[in-house]
Amino acid sequence: MISEQAKNKGLVHTMMFILKGLFAIAIIGLLYWLFISTILQMHVAINENTNERHAINLANVLISSEKLAYEGEVTCIGTSYPCNHYTTSSSCVSANCGWIAQDQSCYGTPYTCDNYLYSSSCTDAGCTPVNGKVMRGILDVGKLDEIFVRSGSLNLISIKDIGIGYPNSFTLVRIIDLEKCNSFDICDGWIGYLSGPITLQGLSIAKFGECLSEHASADVESFFRLQLTGPALAWWNPLDLKNCAQNNIPSSFSSIFSNSQITSEGFPIVIKYPNGDMHLGRIYVLLGEFS
């Protein structure tokens, strides 16, 4: 009788010891999981903050750049580059030269310097701009038409490298005229894709941009998406965005897209038309970075 009680007591002590051990293991596992999840959350937060800061920096640079901002009267002087200086079809055609796709060569007689109205295009042609003063935050419609496309021509969007962008990045720029909006609060404006220098092998920003361009639409659904996502993302169905990323960005690359205040609310700007009219507007910058 006594030995049986001692045996039962030993079993109870053994079970208590096992339960305490399991409880200790669970506590250690929980603490480890909390530690790892906290580290991961901090890593994601740091990446998101860095990406957000980059998007804000890009927006500031864009509204201050001579490539978009309005300038005072510019005089372009000097001697322009010969046609064989240009290595891309867009720059060749912009200089009034002819492009041979088969040979990837540029030929003909380029514009003279006095043909260029903006300091950016003047400099790109090898000439020297004089007297132009960049007006920060006032965007020139003529320059916007050169780089971006109007909202009604979404199928013609192409990716451009204007020398403004972070390495291995994709930037969606949306500019709207707040004084030209319809009853659905969809406003006239411009949209375009910009890319920075690509150093990652196998990363094709162009294919990703072409996919977005094919699926962009300004329909009734975009009005409802406008209320949920803001103007920067209202042109795409979320499923189309996901498919474009999965089908055109290699899975070996990690990516992060800005989802910040500058993405959802934009920067206030003024849009200057050729007739002198000034309209209030906003610029939205959505930045995707790959690594």
C-alpha atoms as a PDB file:
ATOM      1  CA  MET A   1       0.000   0.000   0.000  1.00  0.00           C
ATOM      2  CA  ILE A   2       2.783   2.378   0.978  1.00  0.00           C
ATOM      3  CA  SER A   3       4.884   1.421  -2.048  1.00  0.00           C
ATOM      4  CA  GLU A   4       1.912   2.000  -4.366  1.00  0.00           C
ATOM      5  CA  GLN A   5       1.339   5.458  -2.902  1.00  0.00           C
ATOM      6  CA  ALA A   6       5.045   6.227  -3.327  1.00  0.00           C
ATOM      7  CA  LYS A   7       4.816   5.007  -6.918  1.00  0.00           C
ATOM      8  CA  ASN A   8       1.816   7.239  -7.633  1.00  0.00           C
ATOM      9  CA  LYS A   9       3.561  10.155  -6.009  1.00  0.00           C
ATOM     10  CA  GLY A  10       6.612   9.538  -8.204  1.00  0.00           C
ATOM     11  CA  LEU A  11       4.393   9.493 -11.305  1.00  0.00           C
ATOM     12  CA  VAL A  12       2.834  12.789 -10.277  1.00  0.00           C
ATOM     13  CA  HIS A  13       6.258  14.347  -9.766  1.00  0.00           C
ATOM     14  CA  THR A  14       7.397  12.988 -13.139  1.00  0.00           C
ATOM     15  CA  MET A  15       4.327  14.376 -14.910  1.00  0.00           C
ATOM     16  CA  MET A  16       4.804  17.745 -13.185  1.00  0.00           C
ATOM     17  CA  PHE A  17       8.439  17.761 -14.269  1.00  0.00           C
ATOM     18  CA  ILE A  18       7.473  16.961 -17.885  1.00  0.00           C
ATOM     19  CA  LEU A  19       4.745  19.642 -17.910  1.00  0.00           C
ATOM     20  CA  LYS A  20       7.163  22.220 -16.477  1.00  0.00           C
ATOM     21  CA  GLY A  21       9.685  21.275 -19.136  1.00  0.00           C
ATOM     22  CA  LEU A  22       7.109  21.587 -21.923  1.00  0.00           C
ATOM     23  CA  PHE A  23       5.959  24.909 -20.505  1.00  0.00           C
ATOM     24  CA  ALA A  24       9.560  26.167 -20.391  1.00  0.00           C
ATOM     25  CA  ILE A  25      10.123  25.047 -24.000  1.00  0.00           C
ATOM     26  CA  ALA A  26       6.897  26.810 -25.066  1.00  0.00           C
ATOM     27  CA  ILE A  27       7.995  30.015 -23.324  1.00  0.00           C
ATOM     28  CA  ILE A  28      11.422  29.870 -24.981  1.00  0.00           C
ATOM     29  CA  GLY A  29       9.796  29.185 -28.370  1.00  0.00           C
ATOM     30  CA  LEU A  30       7.375  32.079 -27.919  1.00  0.00           C
ATOM     31  CA  LEU A  31      10.188  34.449 -26.928  1.00  0.00           C
ATOM     32  CA  TYR A  32      12.248  33.305 -29.935  1.00  0.00           C
ATOM     33  CA  TRP A  33       9.265  33.823 -32.278  1.00  0.00           C
ATOM     34  CA  LEU A  34       8.644  37.288 -30.820  1.00  0.00           C
ATOM     35  CA  PHE A  35      12.320  38.146 -31.242  1.00  0.00           C
ATOM     36  CA  ILE A  36      12.435  36.986 -34.882  1.00  0.00           C
ATOM     37  CA  SER A  37       9.115  38.663 -35.787  1.00  0.00           C
ATOM     38  CA  THR A  38      10.276  41.919 -34.171  1.00  0.00           C
ATOM     39  CA  ILE A  39      13.526  41.804 -36.160  1.00  0.00           C
ATOM     40  CA  LEU A  40      11.588  41.154 -39.379  1.00  0.00           C
ATOM     41  CA  GLN A  41       9.117  43.956 -38.637  1.00  0.00           C
ATOM     42  CA  MET A  42      11.995  46.344 -37.974  1.00  0.00           C
ATOM     43  CA  HIS A  43      13.664  45.282 -41.238  1.00  0.00           C
ATOM     44  CA  VAL A  44      10.448  45.836 -43.218  1.00  0.00           C
ATOM     45  CA  ALA A  45       9.812  49.171 -41.479  1.00  0.00           C
ATOM     46  CA  ILE A  46      13.344  50.365 -42.283  1.00  0.00           C
ATOM     47  CA  ASN A  47      12.920  49.360 -45.953  1.00  0.00           C
ATOM     48  CA  GLU A  48       9.510  51.043 -46.150  1.00  0.00           C
ATOM     49  CA  ASN A  49      10.822  54.234 -44.537  1.00  0.00           C
ATOM     50  CA  THR A  50      13.792  54.269 -46.917  1.00  0.00           C
ATOM     51  CA  ASN A  51      11.503  53.718 -49.896  1.00  0.00           C
ATOM     52  CA  GLU A  52       9.134  56.447 -48.710  1.00  0.00           C
ATOM     53  CA  ARG A  53      12.030  58.867 -48.275  1.00  0.00           C
ATOM     54  CA  HIS A  54      13.242  58.041 -51.786  1.00  0.00           C
ATOM     55  CA  ALA A  55       9.763  58.695 -53.229  1.00  0.00           C
ATOM     56  CA  ILE A  56       9.584  62.073 -51.494  1.00  0.00           C
ATOM     57  CA  ASN A  57      13.096  62.946 -52.685  1.00  0.00           C
ATOM     58  CA  LEU A  58      12.166  62.045 -56.263  1.00  0.00           C
ATOM     59  CA  ALA A  59       9.030  64.176 -56.135  1.00  0.00           C
ATOM     60  CA  ASN A  60      11.066  67.145 -54.890  1.00  0.00           C
ATOM     61  CA  VAL A  61      13.683  66.663 -57.597  1.00  0.00           C
ATOM     62  CA  LEU A  62      11.047  66.341 -60.333  1.00  0.00           C
ATOM     63  CA  ILE A  63       9.211  69.555 -59.465  1.00  0.00           C
ATOM     64  CA  SER A  64      12.561  71.387 -59.282  1.00  0.00           C
ATOM     65  CA  SER A  65      14.119  69.895 -62.407  1.00  0.00           C
ATOM     66  CA  GLU A  66      14.623  71.881 -65.587  1.00  0.00           C
ATOM     67  CA  LYS A  67      13.230  68.855 -67.417  1.00  0.00           C
ATOM     68  CA  LEU A  68       9.717  69.540 -66.041  1.00  0.00           C
ATOM     69  CA  ALA A  69       9.649  72.950 -64.386  1.00  0.00           C
ATOM     70  CA  TYR A  70       8.808  76.168 -66.185  1.00  0.00           C
ATOM     71  CA  GLU A  71      11.718  78.435 -67.016  1.00  0.00           C
ATOM     72  CA  GLY A  72      11.992  82.075 -67.888  1.00  0.00           C
ATOM     73  CA  GLU A  73      12.827  82.894 -71.506  1.00  0.00           C
ATOM     74  CA  VAL A  74      15.733  80.699 -72.608  1.00  0.00           C
ATOM     75  CA  THR A  75      18.250  81.453 -75.352  1.00  0.00           C
ATOM     76  CA  CYS A  76      20.116  78.431 -76.689  1.00  0.00           C
ATOM     77  CA  ILE A  77      23.516  79.118 -78.227  1.00  0.00           C
ATOM     78  CA  GLY A  78      26.509  77.148 -79.501  1.00  0.00           C
ATOM     79  CA  THR A  79      26.934  74.219 -81.869  1.00  0.00           C
ATOM     80  CA  SER A  80      24.674  71.166 -81.590  1.00  0.00           C
ATOM     81  CA  TYR A  81      25.928  67.595 -81.623  1.00  0.00           C
ATOM     82  CA  PRO A  82      26.133  65.834 -85.009  1.00  0.00           C
ATOM     83  CA  CYS A  83      23.543  63.116 -85.625  1.00  0.00           C
ATOM     84  CA  ASN A  84      26.026  60.271 -85.131  1.00  0.00           C
ATOM     85  CA  HIS A  85      26.388  61.399 -81.506  1.00  0.00           C
ATOM     86  CA  TYR A  86      22.974  59.935 -80.598  1.00  0.00           C
ATOM     87  CA  THR A  87      22.699  56.262 -79.693  1.00  0.00           C
ATOM     88  CA  THR A  88      18.956  55.824 -79.124  1.00  0.00           C
ATOM     89  CA  SER A  89      16.060  56.239 -81.536  1.00  0.00           C
ATOM     90  CA  SER A  90      14.193  58.714 -79.309  1.00  0.00           C
ATOM     91  CA  SER A  91      17.147  61.083 -78.865  1.00  0.00           C
ATOM     92  CA  CYS A  92      18.008  60.769 -82.570  1.00  0.00           C
ATOM     93  CA  VAL A  93      14.504  61.653 -83.756  1.00  0.00           C
ATOM     94  CA  SER A  94      14.236  64.489 -81.193  1.00  0.00           C
ATOM     95  CA  ALA A  95      17.323  66.068 -82.781  1.00  0.00           C
ATOM     96  CA  ASN A  96      15.667  66.005 -86.238  1.00  0.00           C
ATOM     97  CA  CYS A  97      17.884  63.128 -87.417  1.00  0.00           C
ATOM     98  CA  GLY A  98      16.997  59.805 -89.025  1.00  0.00           C
ATOM     99  CA  TRP A  99      17.294  56.488 -87.195  1.00  0.00           C
ATOM    100  CA  ILE A 100      18.294  53.209 -88.883  1.00  0.00           C
ATOM    101  CA  ALA A 101      17.021  50.426 -86.648  1.00  0.00           C
ATOM    102  CA  GLN A 102      18.972  47.680 -88.408  1.00  0.00           C
ATOM    103  CA  ASP A 103      22.323  49.375 -87.837  1.00  0.00           C
ATOM    104  CA  GLN A 104      21.308  51.195 -84.648  1.00  0.00           C
ATOM    105  CA  SER A 105      22.762  54.355 -86.196  1.00  0.00           C
ATOM    106  CA  CYS A 106      21.694  57.988 -86.483  1.00  0.00           C
ATOM    107  CA  TYR A 107      22.233  60.130 -89.571  1.00  0.00           C
ATOM    108  CA  GLY A 108      21.184  63.445 -91.137  1.00  0.00           C
ATOM    109  CA  THR A 109      21.340  67.108 -90.212  1.00  0.00           C
ATOM    110  CA  PRO A 110      20.422  68.000 -86.610  1.00  0.00           C
ATOM    111  CA  TYR A 111      18.542  71.041 -85.388  1.00  0.00           C
ATOM    112  CA  THR A 112      20.601  74.139 -84.776  1.00  0.00           C
ATOM    113  CA  CYS A 113      20.843  75.367 -81.191  1.00  0.00           C
ATOM    114  CA  ASP A 114      18.341  78.203 -81.643  1.00  0.00           C
ATOM    115  CA  ASN A 115      15.639  75.592 -82.311  1.00  0.00           C
ATOM    116  CA  TYR A 116      15.576  74.479 -78.665  1.00  0.00           C
ATOM    117  CA  LEU A 117      13.216  76.279 -76.285  1.00  0.00           C
ATOM    118  CA  TYR A 118      14.145  74.619 -72.986  1.00  0.00           C
ATOM    119  CA  SER A 119      17.467  74.474 -71.175  1.00  0.00           C
ATOM    120  CA  SER A 120      17.223  70.693 -70.696  1.00  0.00           C
ATOM    121  CA  SER A 121      16.778  69.933 -74.402  1.00  0.00           C
ATOM    122  CA  CYS A 122      19.357  72.618 -75.207  1.00  0.00           C
ATOM    123  CA  THR A 123      21.936  70.942 -72.966  1.00  0.00           C
ATOM    124  CA  ASP A 124      21.076  67.458 -74.288  1.00  0.00           C
ATOM    125  CA  ALA A 125      21.829  68.738 -77.812  1.00  0.00           C
ATOM    126  CA  GLY A 126      25.296  69.944 -76.788  1.00  0.00           C
ATOM    127  CA  CYS A 127      24.327  73.619 -76.750  1.00  0.00           C
ATOM    128  CA  THR A 128      24.480  76.187 -73.944  1.00  0.00           C
ATOM    129  CA  PRO A 129      21.297  77.645 -72.396  1.00  0.00           C
ATOM    130  CA  VAL A 130      21.349  81.307 -71.372  1.00  0.00           C
ATOM    131  CA  ASN A 131      19.016  83.345 -69.107  1.00  0.00           C
ATOM    132  CA  GLY A 132      16.680  80.497 -68.144  1.00  0.00           C
ATOM    133  CA  LYS A 133      15.553  80.416 -64.499  1.00  0.00           C
ATOM    134  CA  VAL A 134      13.813  77.292 -63.203  1.00  0.00           C
ATOM    135  CA  MET A 135      10.568  77.979 -61.323  1.00  0.00           C
ATOM    136  CA  ARG A 136      10.223  75.280 -58.676  1.00  0.00           C
ATOM    137  CA  GLY A 137       6.769  73.734 -58.450  1.00  0.00           C
ATOM    138  CA  ILE A 138       5.520  75.323 -61.698  1.00  0.00           C
ATOM    139  CA  LEU A 139       5.424  72.617 -64.374  1.00  0.00           C
ATOM    140  CA  ASP A 140       5.546  73.474 -68.060  1.00  0.00           C
ATOM    141  CA  VAL A 141       2.885  71.773 -70.208  1.00  0.00           C
ATOM    142  CA  GLY A 142       5.253  71.670 -73.183  1.00  0.00           C
ATOM    143  CA  LYS A 143       7.812  69.693 -71.166  1.00  0.00           C
ATOM    144  CA  LEU A 144       5.152  67.402 -69.728  1.00  0.00           C
ATOM    145  CA  ASP A 145       3.985  66.564 -73.263  1.00  0.00           C
ATOM    146  CA  GLU A 146       7.566  65.714 -74.257  1.00  0.00           C
ATOM    147  CA  ILE A 147       8.153  63.228 -71.438  1.00  0.00           C
ATOM    148  CA  PHE A 148       4.721  61.910 -70.448  1.00  0.00           C
ATOM    149  CA  VAL A 149       1.461  61.144 -72.230  1.00  0.00           C
ATOM    150  CA  ARG A 150      -1.981  62.589 -71.684  1.00  0.00           C
ATOM    151  CA  SER A 151      -4.445  60.539 -69.670  1.00  0.00           C
ATOM    152  CA  GLY A 152      -6.464  59.685 -72.763  1.00  0.00           C
ATOM    153  CA  SER A 153      -3.497  57.935 -74.415  1.00  0.00           C
ATOM    154  CA  LEU A 154      -2.627  55.347 -71.783  1.00  0.00           C
ATOM    155  CA  ASN A 155      -1.821  52.670 -74.368  1.00  0.00           C
ATOM    156  CA  LEU A 156       1.089  54.790 -75.645  1.00  0.00           C
ATOM    157  CA  ILE A 157       2.987  54.982 -72.352  1.00  0.00           C
ATOM    158  CA  SER A 158       6.661  54.024 -72.596  1.00  0.00           C
ATOM    159  CA  ILE A 159       9.423  53.930 -70.009  1.00  0.00           C
ATOM    160  CA  LYS A 160      11.938  56.752 -70.191  1.00  0.00           C
ATOM    161  CA  ASP A 161      15.220  57.455 -68.474  1.00  0.00           C
ATOM    162  CA  ILE A 162      15.535  61.227 -67.998  1.00  0.00           C
ATOM    163  CA  GLY A 163      18.444  60.966 -65.604  1.00  0.00           C
ATOM    164  CA  ILE A 164      16.286  61.188 -62.487  1.00  0.00           C
ATOM    165  CA  GLY A 165      15.869  57.966 -60.530  1.00  0.00           C
ATOM    166  CA  TYR A 166      17.438  55.525 -58.107  1.00  0.00           C
ATOM    167  CA  PRO A 167      19.399  52.486 -59.383  1.00  0.00           C
ATOM    168  CA  ASN A 168      17.242  49.423 -60.181  1.00  0.00           C
ATOM    169  CA  SER A 169      14.042  51.362 -59.676  1.00  0.00           C
ATOM    170  CA  PHE A 170      10.760  51.970 -61.454  1.00  0.00           C
ATOM    171  CA  THR A 171       8.903  55.246 -60.949  1.00  0.00           C
ATOM    172  CA  LEU A 172       5.293  55.886 -61.886  1.00  0.00           C
ATOM    173  CA  VAL A 173       4.588  59.621 -62.152  1.00  0.00           C
ATOM    174  CA  ARG A 174       1.015  60.877 -62.294  1.00  0.00           C
ATOM    175  CA  ILE A 175       0.266  64.590 -62.727  1.00  0.00           C
ATOM    176  CA  ILE A 176      -3.312  65.866 -62.566  1.00  0.00           C
ATOM    177  CA  ASP A 177      -4.933  69.203 -63.307  1.00  0.00           C
ATOM    178  CA  LEU A 178      -7.350  69.851 -60.439  1.00  0.00           C
ATOM    179  CA  GLU A 179      -9.188  72.455 -62.493  1.00  0.00           C
ATOM    180  CA  LYS A 180     -10.067  69.991 -65.262  1.00  0.00           C
ATOM    181  CA  CYS A 181     -12.037  67.230 -63.516  1.00  0.00           C
ATOM    182  CA  ASN A 182     -15.282  65.492 -64.509  1.00  0.00           C
ATOM    183  CA  SER A 183     -18.271  64.550 -62.347  1.00  0.00           C
ATOM    184  CA  PHE A 184     -16.491  61.344 -61.235  1.00  0.00           C
ATOM    185  CA  ASP A 185     -13.557  63.393 -59.898  1.00  0.00           C
ATOM    186  CA  ILE A 186     -11.294  61.948 -62.610  1.00  0.00           C
ATOM    187  CA  CYS A 187      -9.034  64.780 -63.765  1.00  0.00           C
ATOM    188  CA  ASP A 188      -7.111  65.476 -66.941  1.00  0.00           C
ATOM    189  CA  GLY A 189      -3.381  65.147 -66.678  1.00  0.00           C
ATOM    190  CA  TRP A 190      -0.299  63.181 -67.619  1.00  0.00           C
ATOM    191  CA  ILE A 191       1.131  59.822 -66.712  1.00  0.00           C
ATOM    192  CA  GLY A 192       4.503  58.230 -67.369  1.00  0.00           C
ATOM    193  CA  TYR A 193       7.071  55.682 -66.286  1.00  0.00           C
ATOM    194  CA  LEU A 194      10.643  56.606 -65.418  1.00  0.00           C
ATOM    195  CA  SER A 195      13.504  54.222 -64.731  1.00  0.00           C
ATOM    196  CA  GLY A 196      16.852  54.583 -63.065  1.00  0.00           C
ATOM    197  CA  PRO A 197      20.058  52.828 -64.145  1.00  0.00           C
ATOM    198  CA  ILE A 198      19.661  49.029 -64.123  1.00  0.00           C
ATOM    199  CA  THR A 199      22.539  47.029 -62.634  1.00  0.00           C
ATOM    200  CA  LEU A 200      20.727  43.780 -61.766  1.00  0.00           C
ATOM    201  CA  GLN A 201      21.156  41.107 -64.426  1.00  0.00           C
ATOM    202  CA  GLY A 202      17.830  39.720 -65.623  1.00  0.00           C
ATOM    203  CA  LEU A 203      15.744  42.633 -64.366  1.00  0.00           C
ATOM    204  CA  SER A 204      13.651  44.115 -67.173  1.00  0.00           C
ATOM    205  CA  ILE A 205      11.835  47.243 -66.066  1.00  0.00           C
ATOM    206  CA  ALA A 206      10.663  47.712 -69.665  1.00  0.00           C
ATOM    207  CA  LYS A 207       8.586  44.491 -69.669  1.00  0.00           C
ATOM    208  CA  PHE A 208       7.003  45.424 -66.353  1.00  0.00           C
ATOM    209  CA  GLY A 209       6.128  48.873 -67.675  1.00  0.00           C
ATOM    210  CA  GLU A 210       4.707  47.467 -70.913  1.00  0.00           C
ATOM    211  CA  CYS A 211       2.449  45.155 -68.892  1.00  0.00           C
ATOM    212  CA  LEU A 212       1.176  48.068 -66.777  1.00  0.00           C
ATOM    213  CA  SER A 213       0.602  50.128 -69.911  1.00  0.00           C
ATOM    214  CA  GLU A 214      -1.467  47.343 -71.502  1.00  0.00           C
ATOM    215  CA  HIS A 215      -3.720  47.018 -68.457  1.00  0.00           C
ATOM    216  CA  ALA A 216      -4.162  50.711 -67.599  1.00  0.00           C
ATOM    217  CA  SER A 217      -7.735  51.924 -68.026  1.00  0.00           C
ATOM    218  CA  ALA A 218      -9.807  54.983 -67.212  1.00  0.00           C
ATOM    219  CA  ASP A 219     -13.226  53.383 -66.799  1.00  0.00           C
ATOM    220  CA  VAL A 220     -16.005  53.467 -64.211  1.00  0.00           C
ATOM    221  CA  GLU A 221     -14.116  50.988 -62.021  1.00  0.00           C
ATOM    222  CA  SER A 222     -11.193  53.388 -61.843  1.00  0.00           C
ATOM    223  CA  PHE A 223     -13.488  55.893 -60.114  1.00  0.00           C
ATOM    224  CA  PHE A 224     -14.120  53.443 -57.264  1.00  0.00           C
ATOM    225  CA  ARG A 225     -10.437  52.525 -57.084  1.00  0.00           C
ATOM    226  CA  LEU A 226      -9.709  56.248 -56.917  1.00  0.00           C
ATOM    227  CA  GLN A 227     -11.588  56.457 -53.613  1.00  0.00           C
ATOM    228  CA  LEU A 228      -9.688  53.480 -52.180  1.00  0.00           C
ATOM    229  CA  THR A 229      -6.136  53.815 -53.480  1.00  0.00           C
ATOM    230  CA  GLY A 230      -5.745  57.427 -54.584  1.00  0.00           C
ATOM    231  CA  PRO A 231      -4.946  58.753 -58.071  1.00  0.00           C
ATOM    232  CA  ALA A 232      -1.549  57.049 -58.373  1.00  0.00           C
ATOM    233  CA  LEU A 233      -2.984  53.497 -58.426  1.00  0.00           C
ATOM    234  CA  ALA A 234      -6.543  54.087 -59.647  1.00  0.00           C
ATOM    235  CA  TRP A 235      -5.696  53.129 -63.243  1.00  0.00           C
ATOM    236  CA  TRP A 236      -5.045  49.432 -62.516  1.00  0.00           C
ATOM    237  CA  ASN A 237      -7.001  46.498 -61.222  1.00  0.00           C
ATOM    238  CA  PRO A 238      -5.077  45.066 -58.218  1.00  0.00           C
ATOM    239  CA  LEU A 239      -5.046  41.615 -59.858  1.00  0.00           C
ATOM    240  CA  ASP A 240      -3.452  43.073 -63.003  1.00  0.00           C
ATOM    241  CA  LEU A 241      -0.786  44.763 -60.894  1.00  0.00           C
ATOM    242  CA  LYS A 242      -0.037  41.477 -59.146  1.00  0.00           C
ATOM    243  CA  ASN A 243       0.155  39.545 -62.428  1.00  0.00           C
ATOM    244  CA  CYS A 244       2.447  42.145 -64.004  1.00  0.00           C
ATOM    245  CA  ALA A 245       4.845  41.841 -61.079  1.00  0.00           C
ATOM    246  CA  GLN A 246       4.763  38.029 -60.959  1.00  0.00           C
ATOM    247  CA  ASN A 247       5.104  37.533 -64.721  1.00  0.00           C
ATOM    248  CA  ASN A 248       7.736  40.152 -65.464  1.00  0.00           C
ATOM    249  CA  ILE A 249       9.875  40.506 -62.336  1.00  0.00           C
ATOM    250  CA  PRO A 250      12.088  37.453 -61.560  1.00  0.00           C
ATOM    251  CA  SER A 251      11.224  35.839 -58.231  1.00  0.00           C
ATOM    252  CA  SER A 252      14.883  36.076 -57.205  1.00  0.00           C
ATOM    253  CA  PHE A 253      14.480  39.841 -56.823  1.00  0.00           C
ATOM    254  CA  SER A 254      12.918  41.321 -53.733  1.00  0.00           C
ATOM    255  CA  SER A 255      10.885  44.460 -54.295  1.00  0.00           C
ATOM    256  CA  ILE A 256       9.172  47.168 -52.310  1.00  0.00           C
ATOM    257  CA  PHE A 257       6.729  49.797 -53.564  1.00  0.00           C
ATOM    258  CA  SER A 258       6.013  53.061 -51.848  1.00  0.00           C
ATOM    259  CA  ASN A 259       2.717  53.375 -50.026  1.00  0.00           C
ATOM    260  CA  SER A 260       3.274  56.716 -48.381  1.00  0.00           C
ATOM    261  CA  GLN A 261       1.568  60.050 -48.001  1.00  0.00           C
ATOM    262  CA  ILE A 262       3.297  61.342 -51.115  1.00  0.00           C
ATOM    263  CA  THR A 263       1.823  58.356 -53.003  1.00  0.00           C
ATOM    264  CA  SER A 264      -1.733  58.844 -51.769  1.00  0.00           C
ATOM    265  CA  GLU A 265      -1.924  62.644 -51.472  1.00  0.00           C
ATOM    266  CA  GLY A 266       0.803  63.928 -53.786  1.00  0.00           C
ATOM    267  CA  PHE A 267       2.630  67.251 -53.877  1.00  0.00           C
ATOM    268  CA  PRO A 268       0.796  70.489 -54.757  1.00  0.00           C
ATOM    269  CA  ILE A 269       2.009  72.056 -58.013  1.00  0.00           C
ATOM    270  CA  VAL A 270       1.044  74.705 -60.566  1.00  0.00           C
ATOM    271  CA  ILE A 271       0.646  73.756 -64.237  1.00  0.00           C
ATOM    272  CA  LYS A 272       1.492  76.453 -66.782  1.00  0.00           C
ATOM    273  CA  TYR A 273      -0.158  76.256 -70.215  1.00  0.00           C
ATOM    274  CA  PRO A 274       1.252  77.849 -73.403  1.00  0.00           C
ATOM    275  CA  ASN A 275      -1.432  80.552 -73.387  1.00  0.00           C
ATOM    276  CA  GLY A 276      -0.270  81.686 -69.952  1.00  0.00           C
ATOM    277  CA  ASP A 277      -3.052  80.019 -67.926  1.00  0.00           C
ATOM    278  CA  MET A 278      -2.025  78.691 -64.519  1.00  0.00           C
ATOM    279  CA  HIS A 279      -3.925  75.706 -63.053  1.00  0.00           C
ATOM    280  CA  LEU A 280      -3.581  74.106 -59.634  1.00  0.00           C
ATOM    281  CA  GLY A 281      -2.560  70.461 -59.729  1.00  0.00           C
ATOM    282  CA  ARG A 282      -0.844  67.632 -57.899  1.00  0.00           C
ATOM    283  CA  ILE A 283       2.015  65.270 -58.693  1.00  0.00           C
ATOM    284  CA  TYR A 284       1.998  61.679 -57.424  1.00  0.00           C
ATOM    285  CA  VAL A 285       5.126  59.541 -57.323  1.00  0.00           C
ATOM    286  CA  LEU A 286       4.966  55.745 -56.889  1.00  0.00           C
ATOM    287  CA  LEU A 287       8.427  54.221 -56.518  1.00  0.00           C
ATOM    288  CA  GLY A 288       9.299  50.549 -56.918  1.00  0.00           C
ATOM    289  CA  GLU A 289      12.780  49.422 -55.939  1.00  0.00           C
ATOM    290  CA  PHE A 290      14.334  46.030 -56.637  1.00  0.00           C
ATOM    291  CA  SER A 291      17.283  44.259 -55.093  1.00  0.00           C
END
